[in-house]
Amino acid sequence: MHGDVTTIRPGLRVLVVEDEFLIALEIEQMLVGLGCIVVGPAPTVLRALTLIDREELDFAILDVNLGCNRSTPVAERLWAAGVPFALATGYDDRQLPEEAFHKAPHLGKRLDSHLLISALGRL
């Protein structure tokens, strides 16, 4: 695992879009441990869109469901801004009709640090 971590550029600015506090905290701690700068967490679509417009971002981790809303507008804005993102979700592509989600890697709802390192290392 140590070899994978060295491929991650220190100071990557990662937006976390997650409405469940404990999951957001877990993702944040993982990212900080990898030397990333966490933007957010954003628990709502509106907050995420605001952060995308205001912050310089290298990557985002996006939950598909934010409360009773889908994060489709967030995925579309990230895509338009050229910010790569991964999905922290239990859904697979067959359950996600929104095209904005299809090309993003899926990290799973219980985020696996190895998958996160792999996604960040591909930047």
PDB file of N, CA and C in Angstrom:
ATOM      1  N   MET A   1       0.813  -1.179   0.000  1.00  0.00           N
ATOM      2  CA  MET A   1       0.000   0.000   0.000  1.00  0.00           C
ATOM      3  C   MET A   1       0.860   1.247   0.000  1.00  0.00           C
ATOM      4  N   HIS A   2       1.985   1.245   0.684  1.00  0.00           N
ATOM      5  CA  HIS A   2       2.829   2.423   0.754  1.00  0.00           C
ATOM      6  C   HIS A   2       3.260   2.889  -0.631  1.00  0.00           C
ATOM      7  N   GLY A   3       3.556   1.956  -1.525  1.00  0.00           N
ATOM      8  CA  GLY A   3       3.966   2.313  -2.878  1.00  0.00           C
ATOM      9  C   GLY A   3       2.878   3.059  -3.622  1.00  0.00           C
ATOM     10  N   ASP A   4       1.606   2.688  -3.403  1.00  0.00           N
ATOM     11  CA  ASP A   4       0.499   3.372  -4.053  1.00  0.00           C
ATOM     12  C   ASP A   4       0.352   4.797  -3.549  1.00  0.00           C
ATOM     13  N   VAL A   5       0.570   5.005  -2.269  1.00  0.00           N
ATOM     14  CA  VAL A   5       0.389   6.324  -1.674  1.00  0.00           C
ATOM     15  C   VAL A   5       1.369   7.322  -2.268  1.00  0.00           C
ATOM     16  N   THR A   6       2.594   6.892  -2.580  1.00  0.00           N
ATOM     17  CA  THR A   6       3.578   7.825  -3.100  1.00  0.00           C
ATOM     18  C   THR A   6       3.211   8.332  -4.483  1.00  0.00           C
ATOM     19  N   THR A   7       2.292   7.674  -5.191  1.00  0.00           N
ATOM     20  CA  THR A   7       1.877   8.145  -6.507  1.00  0.00           C
ATOM     21  C   THR A   7       0.844   9.265  -6.406  1.00  0.00           C
ATOM     22  N   ILE A   8       0.323   9.513  -5.223  1.00  0.00           N
ATOM     23  CA  ILE A   8      -0.674  10.564  -5.033  1.00  0.00           C
ATOM     24  C   ILE A   8       0.043  11.874  -4.729  1.00  0.00           C
ATOM     25  N   ARG A   9      -0.237  12.870  -5.538  1.00  0.00           N
ATOM     26  CA  ARG A   9       0.366  14.181  -5.347  1.00  0.00           C
ATOM     27  C   ARG A   9      -0.157  14.797  -4.051  1.00  0.00           C
ATOM     28  N   PRO A  10       0.729  15.159  -3.127  1.00  0.00           N
ATOM     29  CA  PRO A  10       0.277  15.800  -1.886  1.00  0.00           C
ATOM     30  C   PRO A  10      -0.469  17.098  -2.191  1.00  0.00           C
ATOM     31  N   GLY A  11      -1.487  17.371  -1.413  1.00  0.00           N
ATOM     32  CA  GLY A  11      -2.233  18.612  -1.559  1.00  0.00           C
ATOM     33  C   GLY A  11      -3.358  18.568  -2.575  1.00  0.00           C
ATOM     34  N   LEU A  12      -3.708  17.362  -3.075  1.00  0.00           N
ATOM     35  CA  LEU A  12      -4.855  17.266  -3.983  1.00  0.00           C
ATOM     36  C   LEU A  12      -6.087  17.822  -3.275  1.00  0.00           C
ATOM     37  N   ARG A  13      -6.832  18.662  -3.966  1.00  0.00           N
ATOM     38  CA  ARG A  13      -8.049  19.263  -3.408  1.00  0.00           C
ATOM     39  C   ARG A  13      -9.242  18.406  -3.822  1.00  0.00           C
ATOM     40  N   VAL A  14      -9.839  17.742  -2.828  1.00  0.00           N
ATOM     41  CA  VAL A  14     -10.905  16.771  -3.099  1.00  0.00           C
ATOM     42  C   VAL A  14     -12.208  17.233  -2.450  1.00  0.00           C
ATOM     43  N   LEU A  15     -13.224  17.402  -3.288  1.00  0.00           N
ATOM     44  CA  LEU A  15     -14.555  17.723  -2.804  1.00  0.00           C
ATOM     45  C   LEU A  15     -15.242  16.443  -2.350  1.00  0.00           C
ATOM     46  N   VAL A  16     -15.788  16.458  -1.148  1.00  0.00           N
ATOM     47  CA  VAL A  16     -16.559  15.326  -0.626  1.00  0.00           C
ATOM     48  C   VAL A  16     -18.026  15.740  -0.598  1.00  0.00           C
ATOM     49  N   VAL A  17     -18.844  15.008  -1.335  1.00  0.00           N
ATOM     50  CA  VAL A  17     -20.283  15.277  -1.393  1.00  0.00           C
ATOM     51  C   VAL A  17     -20.990  14.073  -0.776  1.00  0.00           C
ATOM     52  N   GLU A  18     -21.414  14.235   0.463  1.00  0.00           N
ATOM     53  CA  GLU A  18     -21.995  13.129   1.237  1.00  0.00           C
ATOM     54  C   GLU A  18     -22.888  13.721   2.312  1.00  0.00           C
ATOM     55  N   ASP A  19     -24.119  13.210   2.440  1.00  0.00           N
ATOM     56  CA  ASP A  19     -25.059  13.752   3.421  1.00  0.00           C
ATOM     57  C   ASP A  19     -25.046  13.015   4.754  1.00  0.00           C
ATOM     58  N   GLU A  20     -24.452  11.845   4.819  1.00  0.00           N
ATOM     59  CA  GLU A  20     -24.389  11.108   6.082  1.00  0.00           C
ATOM     60  C   GLU A  20     -23.102  11.499   6.809  1.00  0.00           C
ATOM     61  N   PHE A  21     -23.264  12.124   7.964  1.00  0.00           N
ATOM     62  CA  PHE A  21     -22.148  12.714   8.695  1.00  0.00           C
ATOM     63  C   PHE A  21     -21.011  11.725   8.953  1.00  0.00           C
ATOM     64  N   LEU A  22     -21.322  10.551   9.465  1.00  0.00           N
ATOM     65  CA  LEU A  22     -20.266   9.596   9.822  1.00  0.00           C
ATOM     66  C   LEU A  22     -19.509   9.092   8.593  1.00  0.00           C
ATOM     67  N   ILE A  23     -20.212   8.893   7.500  1.00  0.00           N
ATOM     68  CA  ILE A  23     -19.543   8.463   6.263  1.00  0.00           C
ATOM     69  C   ILE A  23     -18.664   9.593   5.741  1.00  0.00           C
ATOM     70  N   ALA A  24     -19.184  10.820   5.766  1.00  0.00           N
ATOM     71  CA  ALA A  24     -18.393  11.976   5.318  1.00  0.00           C
ATOM     72  C   ALA A  24     -17.132  12.120   6.165  1.00  0.00           C
ATOM     73  N   LEU A  25     -17.262  11.929   7.465  1.00  0.00           N
ATOM     74  CA  LEU A  25     -16.126  12.019   8.370  1.00  0.00           C
ATOM     75  C   LEU A  25     -15.095  10.939   8.064  1.00  0.00           C
ATOM     76  N   GLU A  26     -15.554   9.716   7.807  1.00  0.00           N
ATOM     77  CA  GLU A  26     -14.649   8.611   7.470  1.00  0.00           C
ATOM     78  C   GLU A  26     -13.884   8.914   6.172  1.00  0.00           C
ATOM     79  N   ILE A  27     -14.596   9.401   5.159  1.00  0.00           N
ATOM     80  CA  ILE A  27     -13.953   9.745   3.887  1.00  0.00           C
ATOM     81  C   ILE A  27     -12.945  10.871   4.102  1.00  0.00           C
ATOM     82  N   GLU A  28     -13.343  11.878   4.868  1.00  0.00           N
ATOM     83  CA  GLU A  28     -12.460  13.013   5.145  1.00  0.00           C
ATOM     84  C   GLU A  28     -11.175  12.553   5.834  1.00  0.00           C
ATOM     85  N   GLN A  29     -11.304  11.702   6.840  1.00  0.00           N
ATOM     86  CA  GLN A  29     -10.130  11.206   7.559  1.00  0.00           C
ATOM     87  C   GLN A  29      -9.208  10.408   6.647  1.00  0.00           C
ATOM     88  N   MET A  30      -9.797   9.595   5.766  1.00  0.00           N
ATOM     89  CA  MET A  30      -8.998   8.817   4.822  1.00  0.00           C
ATOM     90  C   MET A  30      -8.214   9.744   3.894  1.00  0.00           C
ATOM     91  N   LEU A  31      -8.891  10.756   3.374  1.00  0.00           N
ATOM     92  CA  LEU A  31      -8.255  11.691   2.444  1.00  0.00           C
ATOM     93  C   LEU A  31      -7.146  12.492   3.119  1.00  0.00           C
ATOM     94  N   VAL A  32      -7.407  12.980   4.318  1.00  0.00           N
ATOM     95  CA  VAL A  32      -6.389  13.740   5.052  1.00  0.00           C
ATOM     96  C   VAL A  32      -5.182  12.850   5.327  1.00  0.00           C
ATOM     97  N   GLY A  33      -5.427  11.596   5.661  1.00  0.00           N
ATOM     98  CA  GLY A  33      -4.336  10.644   5.889  1.00  0.00           C
ATOM     99  C   GLY A  33      -3.489  10.402   4.649  1.00  0.00           C
ATOM    100  N   LEU A  34      -4.067  10.650   3.480  1.00  0.00           N
ATOM    101  CA  LEU A  34      -3.341  10.487   2.220  1.00  0.00           C
ATOM    102  C   LEU A  34      -2.687  11.800   1.764  1.00  0.00           C
ATOM    103  N   GLY A  35      -2.833  12.846   2.582  1.00  0.00           N
ATOM    104  CA  GLY A  35      -2.218  14.123   2.238  1.00  0.00           C
ATOM    105  C   GLY A  35      -3.080  15.030   1.387  1.00  0.00           C
ATOM    106  N   CYS A  36      -4.355  14.714   1.261  1.00  0.00           N
ATOM    107  CA  CYS A  36      -5.266  15.531   0.467  1.00  0.00           C
ATOM    108  C   CYS A  36      -5.835  16.676   1.294  1.00  0.00           C
ATOM    109  N   ILE A  37      -6.294  17.699   0.605  1.00  0.00           N
ATOM    110  CA  ILE A  37      -7.025  18.807   1.216  1.00  0.00           C
ATOM    111  C   ILE A  37      -8.496  18.558   0.924  1.00  0.00           C
ATOM    112  N   VAL A  38      -9.301  18.465   1.964  1.00  0.00           N
ATOM    113  CA  VAL A  38     -10.719  18.159   1.801  1.00  0.00           C
ATOM    114  C   VAL A  38     -11.505  19.460   1.657  1.00  0.00           C
ATOM    115  N   VAL A  39     -12.309  19.520   0.612  1.00  0.00           N
ATOM    116  CA  VAL A  39     -13.242  20.627   0.403  1.00  0.00           C
ATOM    117  C   VAL A  39     -14.615  20.088   0.760  1.00  0.00           C
ATOM    118  N   GLY A  40     -15.291  20.761   1.675  1.00  0.00           N
ATOM    119  CA  GLY A  40     -16.577  20.264   2.172  1.00  0.00           C
ATOM    120  C   GLY A  40     -16.360  19.609   3.521  1.00  0.00           C
ATOM    121  N   PRO A  41     -17.103  18.596   3.794  1.00  0.00           N
ATOM    122  CA  PRO A  41     -18.083  17.893   3.004  1.00  0.00           C
ATOM    123  C   PRO A  41     -19.324  18.742   2.707  1.00  0.00           C
ATOM    124  N   ALA A  42     -19.921  18.460   1.560  1.00  0.00           N
ATOM    125  CA  ALA A  42     -21.155  19.119   1.144  1.00  0.00           C
ATOM    126  C   ALA A  42     -22.300  18.117   1.298  1.00  0.00           C
ATOM    127  N   PRO A  43     -23.261  18.403   2.180  1.00  0.00           N
ATOM    128  CA  PRO A  43     -24.348  17.455   2.410  1.00  0.00           C
ATOM    129  C   PRO A  43     -25.551  17.638   1.475  1.00  0.00           C
ATOM    130  N   THR A  44     -25.554  18.704   0.660  1.00  0.00           N
ATOM    131  CA  THR A  44     -26.684  18.980  -0.223  1.00  0.00           C
ATOM    132  C   THR A  44     -26.192  19.305  -1.635  1.00  0.00           C
ATOM    133  N   VAL A  45     -27.095  19.197  -2.586  1.00  0.00           N
ATOM    134  CA  VAL A  45     -26.779  19.546  -3.968  1.00  0.00           C
ATOM    135  C   VAL A  45     -26.382  21.019  -4.048  1.00  0.00           C
ATOM    136  N   LEU A  46     -27.148  21.884  -3.408  1.00  0.00           N
ATOM    137  CA  LEU A  46     -26.861  23.322  -3.456  1.00  0.00           C
ATOM    138  C   LEU A  46     -25.479  23.645  -2.898  1.00  0.00           C
ATOM    139  N   ARG A  47     -25.127  23.064  -1.770  1.00  0.00           N
ATOM    140  CA  ARG A  47     -23.807  23.316  -1.174  1.00  0.00           C
ATOM    141  C   ARG A  47     -22.695  22.796  -2.081  1.00  0.00           C
ATOM    142  N   ALA A  48     -22.894  21.632  -2.672  1.00  0.00           N
ATOM    143  CA  ALA A  48     -21.885  21.072  -3.573  1.00  0.00           C
ATOM    144  C   ALA A  48     -21.690  21.966  -4.795  1.00  0.00           C
ATOM    145  N   LEU A  49     -22.779  22.431  -5.395  1.00  0.00           N
ATOM    146  CA  LEU A  49     -22.683  23.307  -6.560  1.00  0.00           C
ATOM    147  C   LEU A  49     -21.969  24.608  -6.213  1.00  0.00           C
ATOM    148  N   THR A  50     -22.249  25.143  -5.034  1.00  0.00           N
ATOM    149  CA  THR A  50     -21.588  26.368  -4.583  1.00  0.00           C
ATOM    150  C   THR A  50     -20.087  26.146  -4.449  1.00  0.00           C
ATOM    151  N   LEU A  51     -19.691  25.032  -3.850  1.00  0.00           N
ATOM    152  CA  LEU A  51     -18.261  24.737  -3.682  1.00  0.00           C
ATOM    153  C   LEU A  51     -17.568  24.515  -5.029  1.00  0.00           C
ATOM    154  N   ILE A  52     -18.245  23.877  -5.960  1.00  0.00           N
ATOM    155  CA  ILE A  52     -17.662  23.666  -7.292  1.00  0.00           C
ATOM    156  C   ILE A  52     -17.379  25.014  -7.959  1.00  0.00           C
ATOM    157  N   ASP A  53     -18.300  25.950  -7.795  1.00  0.00           N
ATOM    158  CA  ASP A  53     -18.135  27.275  -8.405  1.00  0.00           C
ATOM    159  C   ASP A  53     -17.068  28.119  -7.719  1.00  0.00           C
ATOM    160  N   ARG A  54     -16.853  27.896  -6.431  1.00  0.00           N
ATOM    161  CA  ARG A  54     -15.953  28.766  -5.648  1.00  0.00           C
ATOM    162  C   ARG A  54     -14.551  28.207  -5.442  1.00  0.00           C
ATOM    163  N   GLU A  55     -14.398  26.909  -5.503  1.00  0.00           N
ATOM    164  CA  GLU A  55     -13.135  26.277  -5.126  1.00  0.00           C
ATOM    165  C   GLU A  55     -12.408  25.689  -6.330  1.00  0.00           C
ATOM    166  N   GLU A  56     -11.103  25.644  -6.237  1.00  0.00           N
ATOM    167  CA  GLU A  56     -10.305  24.915  -7.214  1.00  0.00           C
ATOM    168  C   GLU A  56     -10.276  23.464  -6.759  1.00  0.00           C
ATOM    169  N   LEU A  57     -10.671  22.557  -7.643  1.00  0.00           N
ATOM    170  CA  LEU A  57     -10.790  21.148  -7.277  1.00  0.00           C
ATOM    171  C   LEU A  57      -9.982  20.273  -8.221  1.00  0.00           C
ATOM    172  N   ASP A  58      -9.404  19.213  -7.655  1.00  0.00           N
ATOM    173  CA  ASP A  58      -8.693  18.226  -8.460  1.00  0.00           C
ATOM    174  C   ASP A  58      -9.517  16.959  -8.660  1.00  0.00           C
ATOM    175  N   PHE A  59     -10.423  16.683  -7.725  1.00  0.00           N
ATOM    176  CA  PHE A  59     -11.159  15.424  -7.724  1.00  0.00           C
ATOM    177  C   PHE A  59     -12.364  15.600  -6.816  1.00  0.00           C
ATOM    178  N   ALA A  60     -13.360  14.732  -6.974  1.00  0.00           N
ATOM    179  CA  ALA A  60     -14.520  14.749  -6.081  1.00  0.00           C
ATOM    180  C   ALA A  60     -14.967  13.320  -5.800  1.00  0.00           C
ATOM    181  N   ILE A  61     -15.518  13.134  -4.619  1.00  0.00           N
ATOM    182  CA  ILE A  61     -16.149  11.880  -4.236  1.00  0.00           C
ATOM    183  C   ILE A  61     -17.607  12.217  -4.004  1.00  0.00           C
ATOM    184  N   LEU A  62     -18.461  11.533  -4.718  1.00  0.00           N
ATOM    185  CA  LEU A  62     -19.859  11.929  -4.806  1.00  0.00           C
ATOM    186  C   LEU A  62     -20.791  10.796  -4.405  1.00  0.00           C
ATOM    187  N   ASP A  63     -21.671  11.072  -3.440  1.00  0.00           N
ATOM    188  CA  ASP A  63     -22.745  10.149  -3.097  1.00  0.00           C
ATOM    189  C   ASP A  63     -23.880  10.401  -4.093  1.00  0.00           C
ATOM    190  N   VAL A  64     -24.535   9.363  -4.554  1.00  0.00           N
ATOM    191  CA  VAL A  64     -25.600   9.510  -5.542  1.00  0.00           C
ATOM    192  C   VAL A  64     -26.845  10.124  -4.921  1.00  0.00           C
ATOM    193  N   ASN A  65     -27.221   9.666  -3.726  1.00  0.00           N
ATOM    194  CA  ASN A  65     -28.410  10.186  -3.052  1.00  0.00           C
ATOM    195  C   ASN A  65     -28.000  11.123  -1.931  1.00  0.00           C
ATOM    196  N   LEU A  66     -28.514  12.330  -1.998  1.00  0.00           N
ATOM    197  CA  LEU A  66     -28.294  13.321  -0.935  1.00  0.00           C
ATOM    198  C   LEU A  66     -29.655  13.648  -0.346  1.00  0.00           C
ATOM    199  N   GLY A  67     -29.976  12.994   0.759  1.00  0.00           N
ATOM    200  CA  GLY A  67     -31.316  13.145   1.319  1.00  0.00           C
ATOM    201  C   GLY A  67     -32.316  12.567   0.333  1.00  0.00           C
ATOM    202  N   CYS A  68     -33.309  13.377  -0.034  1.00  0.00           N
ATOM    203  CA  CYS A  68     -34.317  12.906  -0.993  1.00  0.00           C
ATOM    204  C   CYS A  68     -33.991  13.354  -2.418  1.00  0.00           C
ATOM    205  N   ASN A  69     -32.816  13.901  -2.645  1.00  0.00           N
ATOM    206  CA  ASN A  69     -32.411  14.364  -3.972  1.00  0.00           C
ATOM    207  C   ASN A  69     -31.296  13.506  -4.553  1.00  0.00           C
ATOM    208  N   ARG A  70     -31.260  13.417  -5.866  1.00  0.00           N
ATOM    209  CA  ARG A  70     -30.153  12.773  -6.559  1.00  0.00           C
ATOM    210  C   ARG A  70     -29.093  13.836  -6.806  1.00  0.00           C
ATOM    211  N   SER A  71     -27.844  13.428  -6.853  1.00  0.00           N
ATOM    212  CA  SER A  71     -26.745  14.369  -7.053  1.00  0.00           C
ATOM    213  C   SER A  71     -26.386  14.545  -8.535  1.00  0.00           C
ATOM    214  N   THR A  72     -27.321  14.236  -9.407  1.00  0.00           N
ATOM    215  CA  THR A  72     -27.097  14.368 -10.849  1.00  0.00           C
ATOM    216  C   THR A  72     -26.596  15.753 -11.247  1.00  0.00           C
ATOM    217  N   PRO A  73     -27.195  16.864 -10.744  1.00  0.00           N
ATOM    218  CA  PRO A  73     -26.689  18.182 -11.124  1.00  0.00           C
ATOM    219  C   PRO A  73     -25.233  18.398 -10.706  1.00  0.00           C
ATOM    220  N   VAL A  74     -24.825  17.785  -9.618  1.00  0.00           N
ATOM    221  CA  VAL A  74     -23.444  17.901  -9.147  1.00  0.00           C
ATOM    222  C   VAL A  74     -22.514  17.162 -10.112  1.00  0.00           C
ATOM    223  N   ALA A  75     -22.890  15.952 -10.498  1.00  0.00           N
ATOM    224  CA  ALA A  75     -22.083  15.177 -11.447  1.00  0.00           C
ATOM    225  C   ALA A  75     -21.962  15.925 -12.768  1.00  0.00           C
ATOM    226  N   GLU A  76     -23.049  16.493 -13.233  1.00  0.00           N
ATOM    227  CA  GLU A  76     -23.030  17.232 -14.500  1.00  0.00           C
ATOM    228  C   GLU A  76     -22.137  18.464 -14.412  1.00  0.00           C
ATOM    229  N   ARG A  77     -22.195  19.175 -13.286  1.00  0.00           N
ATOM    230  CA  ARG A  77     -21.356  20.372 -13.116  1.00  0.00           C
ATOM    231  C   ARG A  77     -19.887  19.984 -13.028  1.00  0.00           C
ATOM    232  N   LEU A  78     -19.575  18.910 -12.307  1.00  0.00           N
ATOM    233  CA  LEU A  78     -18.193  18.428 -12.234  1.00  0.00           C
ATOM    234  C   LEU A  78     -17.692  18.044 -13.618  1.00  0.00           C
ATOM    235  N   TRP A  79     -18.513  17.316 -14.364  1.00  0.00           N
ATOM    236  CA  TRP A  79     -18.149  16.889 -15.712  1.00  0.00           C
ATOM    237  C   TRP A  79     -17.863  18.119 -16.588  1.00  0.00           C
ATOM    238  N   ALA A  80     -18.751  19.120 -16.537  1.00  0.00           N
ATOM    239  CA  ALA A  80     -18.587  20.334 -17.341  1.00  0.00           C
ATOM    240  C   ALA A  80     -17.332  21.109 -16.949  1.00  0.00           C
ATOM    241  N   ALA A  81     -16.980  21.062 -15.656  1.00  0.00           N
ATOM    242  CA  ALA A  81     -15.799  21.771 -15.157  1.00  0.00           C
ATOM    243  C   ALA A  81     -14.511  20.978 -15.377  1.00  0.00           C
ATOM    244  N   GLY A  82     -14.636  19.750 -15.858  1.00  0.00           N
ATOM    245  CA  GLY A  82     -13.455  18.924 -16.091  1.00  0.00           C
ATOM    246  C   GLY A  82     -12.859  18.346 -14.826  1.00  0.00           C
ATOM    247  N   VAL A  83     -13.671  18.226 -13.781  1.00  0.00           N
ATOM    248  CA  VAL A  83     -13.202  17.668 -12.506  1.00  0.00           C
ATOM    249  C   VAL A  83     -13.583  16.188 -12.460  1.00  0.00           C
ATOM    250  N   PRO A  84     -12.600  15.291 -12.427  1.00  0.00           N
ATOM    251  CA  PRO A  84     -12.934  13.861 -12.331  1.00  0.00           C
ATOM    252  C   PRO A  84     -13.554  13.553 -10.969  1.00  0.00           C
ATOM    253  N   PHE A  85     -14.415  12.554 -10.971  1.00  0.00           N
ATOM    254  CA  PHE A  85     -15.049  12.172  -9.705  1.00  0.00           C
ATOM    255  C   PHE A  85     -15.284  10.675  -9.674  1.00  0.00           C
ATOM    256  N   ALA A  86     -15.454  10.182  -8.456  1.00  0.00           N
ATOM    257  CA  ALA A  86     -15.802   8.788  -8.218  1.00  0.00           C
ATOM    258  C   ALA A  86     -17.065   8.765  -7.369  1.00  0.00           C
ATOM    259  N   LEU A  87     -17.808   7.692  -7.485  1.00  0.00           N
ATOM    260  CA  LEU A  87     -19.055   7.555  -6.741  1.00  0.00           C
ATOM    261  C   LEU A  87     -18.848   6.713  -5.492  1.00  0.00           C
ATOM    262  N   ALA A  88     -19.299   7.241  -4.374  1.00  0.00           N
ATOM    263  CA  ALA A  88     -19.339   6.480  -3.130  1.00  0.00           C
ATOM    264  C   ALA A  88     -20.784   6.026  -2.970  1.00  0.00           C
ATOM    265  N   THR A  89     -21.093   4.878  -3.554  1.00  0.00           N
ATOM    266  CA  THR A  89     -22.473   4.421  -3.592  1.00  0.00           C
ATOM    267  C   THR A  89     -22.533   2.903  -3.660  1.00  0.00           C
ATOM    268  N   GLY A  90     -23.657   2.370  -3.258  1.00  0.00           N
ATOM    269  CA  GLY A  90     -23.884   0.940  -3.372  1.00  0.00           C
ATOM    270  C   GLY A  90     -24.547   0.566  -4.686  1.00  0.00           C
ATOM    271  N   TYR A  91     -24.940   1.554  -5.475  1.00  0.00           N
ATOM    272  CA  TYR A  91     -25.584   1.298  -6.763  1.00  0.00           C
ATOM    273  C   TYR A  91     -24.584   0.816  -7.798  1.00  0.00           C
ATOM    274  N   ASP A  92     -25.066   0.046  -8.754  1.00  0.00           N
ATOM    275  CA  ASP A  92     -24.245  -0.266  -9.920  1.00  0.00           C
ATOM    276  C   ASP A  92     -24.849   0.470 -11.121  1.00  0.00           C
ATOM    277  N   ASP A  93     -24.184   0.405 -12.270  1.00  0.00           N
ATOM    278  CA  ASP A  93     -24.624   1.158 -13.449  1.00  0.00           C
ATOM    279  C   ASP A  93     -26.059   0.845 -13.861  1.00  0.00           C
ATOM    280  N   ARG A  94     -26.491  -0.394 -13.687  1.00  0.00           N
ATOM    281  CA  ARG A  94     -27.856  -0.759 -14.098  1.00  0.00           C
ATOM    282  C   ARG A  94     -28.893  -0.030 -13.249  1.00  0.00           C
ATOM    283  N   GLN A  95     -28.528   0.378 -12.044  1.00  0.00           N
ATOM    284  CA  GLN A  95     -29.468   1.061 -11.160  1.00  0.00           C
ATOM    285  C   GLN A  95     -29.376   2.585 -11.288  1.00  0.00           C
ATOM    286  N   LEU A  96     -28.448   3.079 -12.099  1.00  0.00           N
ATOM    287  CA  LEU A  96     -28.247   4.510 -12.258  1.00  0.00           C
ATOM    288  C   LEU A  96     -28.577   4.923 -13.689  1.00  0.00           C
ATOM    289  N   PRO A  97     -29.804   5.385 -13.925  1.00  0.00           N
ATOM    290  CA  PRO A  97     -30.169   5.751 -15.286  1.00  0.00           C
ATOM    291  C   PRO A  97     -29.483   7.023 -15.771  1.00  0.00           C
ATOM    292  N   GLU A  98     -28.993   7.856 -14.867  1.00  0.00           N
ATOM    293  CA  GLU A  98     -28.385   9.118 -15.251  1.00  0.00           C
ATOM    294  C   GLU A  98     -27.035   8.883 -15.916  1.00  0.00           C
ATOM    295  N   GLU A  99     -26.884   9.357 -17.122  1.00  0.00           N
ATOM    296  CA  GLU A  99     -25.653   9.171 -17.887  1.00  0.00           C
ATOM    297  C   GLU A  99     -24.452   9.807 -17.191  1.00  0.00           C
ATOM    298  N   ALA A 100     -24.691  10.874 -16.438  1.00  0.00           N
ATOM    299  CA  ALA A 100     -23.592  11.587 -15.769  1.00  0.00           C
ATOM    300  C   ALA A 100     -22.814  10.688 -14.817  1.00  0.00           C
ATOM    301  N   PHE A 101     -23.442   9.616 -14.327  1.00  0.00           N
ATOM    302  CA  PHE A 101     -22.794   8.737 -13.363  1.00  0.00           C
ATOM    303  C   PHE A 101     -22.048   7.566 -14.012  1.00  0.00           C
ATOM    304  N   HIS A 102     -22.313   7.258 -15.255  1.00  0.00           N
ATOM    305  CA  HIS A 102     -21.851   6.011 -15.859  1.00  0.00           C
ATOM    306  C   HIS A 102     -20.346   5.885 -16.024  1.00  0.00           C
ATOM    307  N   LYS A 103     -19.656   6.971 -16.291  1.00  0.00           N
ATOM    308  CA  LYS A 103     -18.220   6.872 -16.551  1.00  0.00           C
ATOM    309  C   LYS A 103     -17.382   6.974 -15.283  1.00  0.00           C
ATOM    310  N   ALA A 104     -18.020   7.300 -14.182  1.00  0.00           N
ATOM    311  CA  ALA A 104     -17.285   7.473 -12.923  1.00  0.00           C
ATOM    312  C   ALA A 104     -17.007   6.124 -12.279  1.00  0.00           C
ATOM    313  N   PRO A 105     -15.806   5.966 -11.725  1.00  0.00           N
ATOM    314  CA  PRO A 105     -15.539   4.726 -10.982  1.00  0.00           C
ATOM    315  C   PRO A 105     -16.404   4.657  -9.725  1.00  0.00           C
ATOM    316  N   HIS A 106     -16.761   3.443  -9.345  1.00  0.00           N
ATOM    317  CA  HIS A 106     -17.572   3.230  -8.144  1.00  0.00           C
ATOM    318  C   HIS A 106     -16.670   2.751  -7.019  1.00  0.00           C
ATOM    319  N   LEU A 107     -16.696   3.472  -5.913  1.00  0.00           N
ATOM    320  CA  LEU A 107     -15.859   3.115  -4.767  1.00  0.00           C
ATOM    321  C   LEU A 107     -16.617   2.305  -3.732  1.00  0.00           C
ATOM    322  N   GLY A 108     -17.923   2.242  -3.827  1.00  0.00           N
ATOM    323  CA  GLY A 108     -18.724   1.536  -2.838  1.00  0.00           C
ATOM    324  C   GLY A 108     -19.082   2.445  -1.677  1.00  0.00           C
ATOM    325  N   LYS A 109     -20.147   2.111  -0.981  1.00  0.00           N
ATOM    326  CA  LYS A 109     -20.605   2.960   0.124  1.00  0.00           C
ATOM    327  C   LYS A 109     -19.679   2.849   1.337  1.00  0.00           C
ATOM    328  N   ARG A 110     -19.211   1.655   1.628  1.00  0.00           N
ATOM    329  CA  ARG A 110     -18.178   1.506   2.658  1.00  0.00           C
ATOM    330  C   ARG A 110     -16.858   1.668   1.930  1.00  0.00           C
ATOM    331  N   LEU A 111     -16.345   2.858   1.946  1.00  0.00           N
ATOM    332  CA  LEU A 111     -15.194   3.212   1.123  1.00  0.00           C
ATOM    333  C   LEU A 111     -13.976   2.370   1.464  1.00  0.00           C
ATOM    334  N   ASP A 112     -13.412   1.753   0.454  1.00  0.00           N
ATOM    335  CA  ASP A 112     -12.218   0.949   0.588  1.00  0.00           C
ATOM    336  C   ASP A 112     -11.014   1.830   0.284  1.00  0.00           C
ATOM    337  N   SER A 113     -10.066   1.903   1.183  1.00  0.00           N
ATOM    338  CA  SER A 113      -8.917   2.796   1.006  1.00  0.00           C
ATOM    339  C   SER A 113      -8.093   2.430  -0.223  1.00  0.00           C
ATOM    340  N   HIS A 114      -8.014   1.150  -0.562  1.00  0.00           N
ATOM    341  CA  HIS A 114      -7.245   0.736  -1.742  1.00  0.00           C
ATOM    342  C   HIS A 114      -7.881   1.263  -3.029  1.00  0.00           C
ATOM    343  N   LEU A 115      -9.237   1.210  -3.107  1.00  0.00           N
ATOM    344  CA  LEU A 115      -9.924   1.748  -4.277  1.00  0.00           C
ATOM    345  C   LEU A 115      -9.767   3.260  -4.357  1.00  0.00           C
ATOM    346  N   LEU A 116      -9.820   3.917  -3.209  1.00  0.00           N
ATOM    347  CA  LEU A 116      -9.640   5.368  -3.173  1.00  0.00           C
ATOM    348  C   LEU A 116      -8.242   5.743  -3.640  1.00  0.00           C
ATOM    349  N   ILE A 117      -7.238   5.054  -3.149  1.00  0.00           N
ATOM    350  CA  ILE A 117      -5.851   5.318  -3.560  1.00  0.00           C
ATOM    351  C   ILE A 117      -5.697   5.089  -5.064  1.00  0.00           C
ATOM    352  N   SER A 118      -6.309   4.036  -5.574  1.00  0.00           N
ATOM    353  CA  SER A 118      -6.227   3.748  -6.998  1.00  0.00           C
ATOM    354  C   SER A 118      -6.878   4.856  -7.811  1.00  0.00           C
ATOM    355  N   ALA A 119      -8.055   5.322  -7.390  1.00  0.00           N
ATOM    356  CA  ALA A 119      -8.753   6.389  -8.117  1.00  0.00           C
ATOM    357  C   ALA A 119      -7.957   7.677  -8.100  1.00  0.00           C
ATOM    358  N   LEU A 120      -7.402   8.034  -6.949  1.00  0.00           N
ATOM    359  CA  LEU A 120      -6.602   9.263  -6.842  1.00  0.00           C
ATOM    360  C   LEU A 120      -5.287   9.139  -7.605  1.00  0.00           C
ATOM    361  N   GLY A 121      -4.721   7.952  -7.595  1.00  0.00           N
ATOM    362  CA  GLY A 121      -3.443   7.742  -8.274  1.00  0.00           C
ATOM    363  C   GLY A 121      -3.522   7.854  -9.787  1.00  0.00           C
ATOM    364  N   ARG A 122      -4.728   7.684 -10.338  1.00  0.00           N
ATOM    365  CA  ARG A 122      -4.899   7.783 -11.795  1.00  0.00           C
ATOM    366  C   ARG A 122      -4.977   9.228 -12.276  1.00  0.00           C
ATOM    367  N   LEU A 123      -5.022  10.194 -11.379  1.00  0.00           N
ATOM    368  CA  LEU A 123      -5.139  11.602 -11.802  1.00  0.00           C
ATOM    369  C   LEU A 123      -3.921  12.053 -12.570  1.00  0.00           C
TER     370      LEU A 123
END
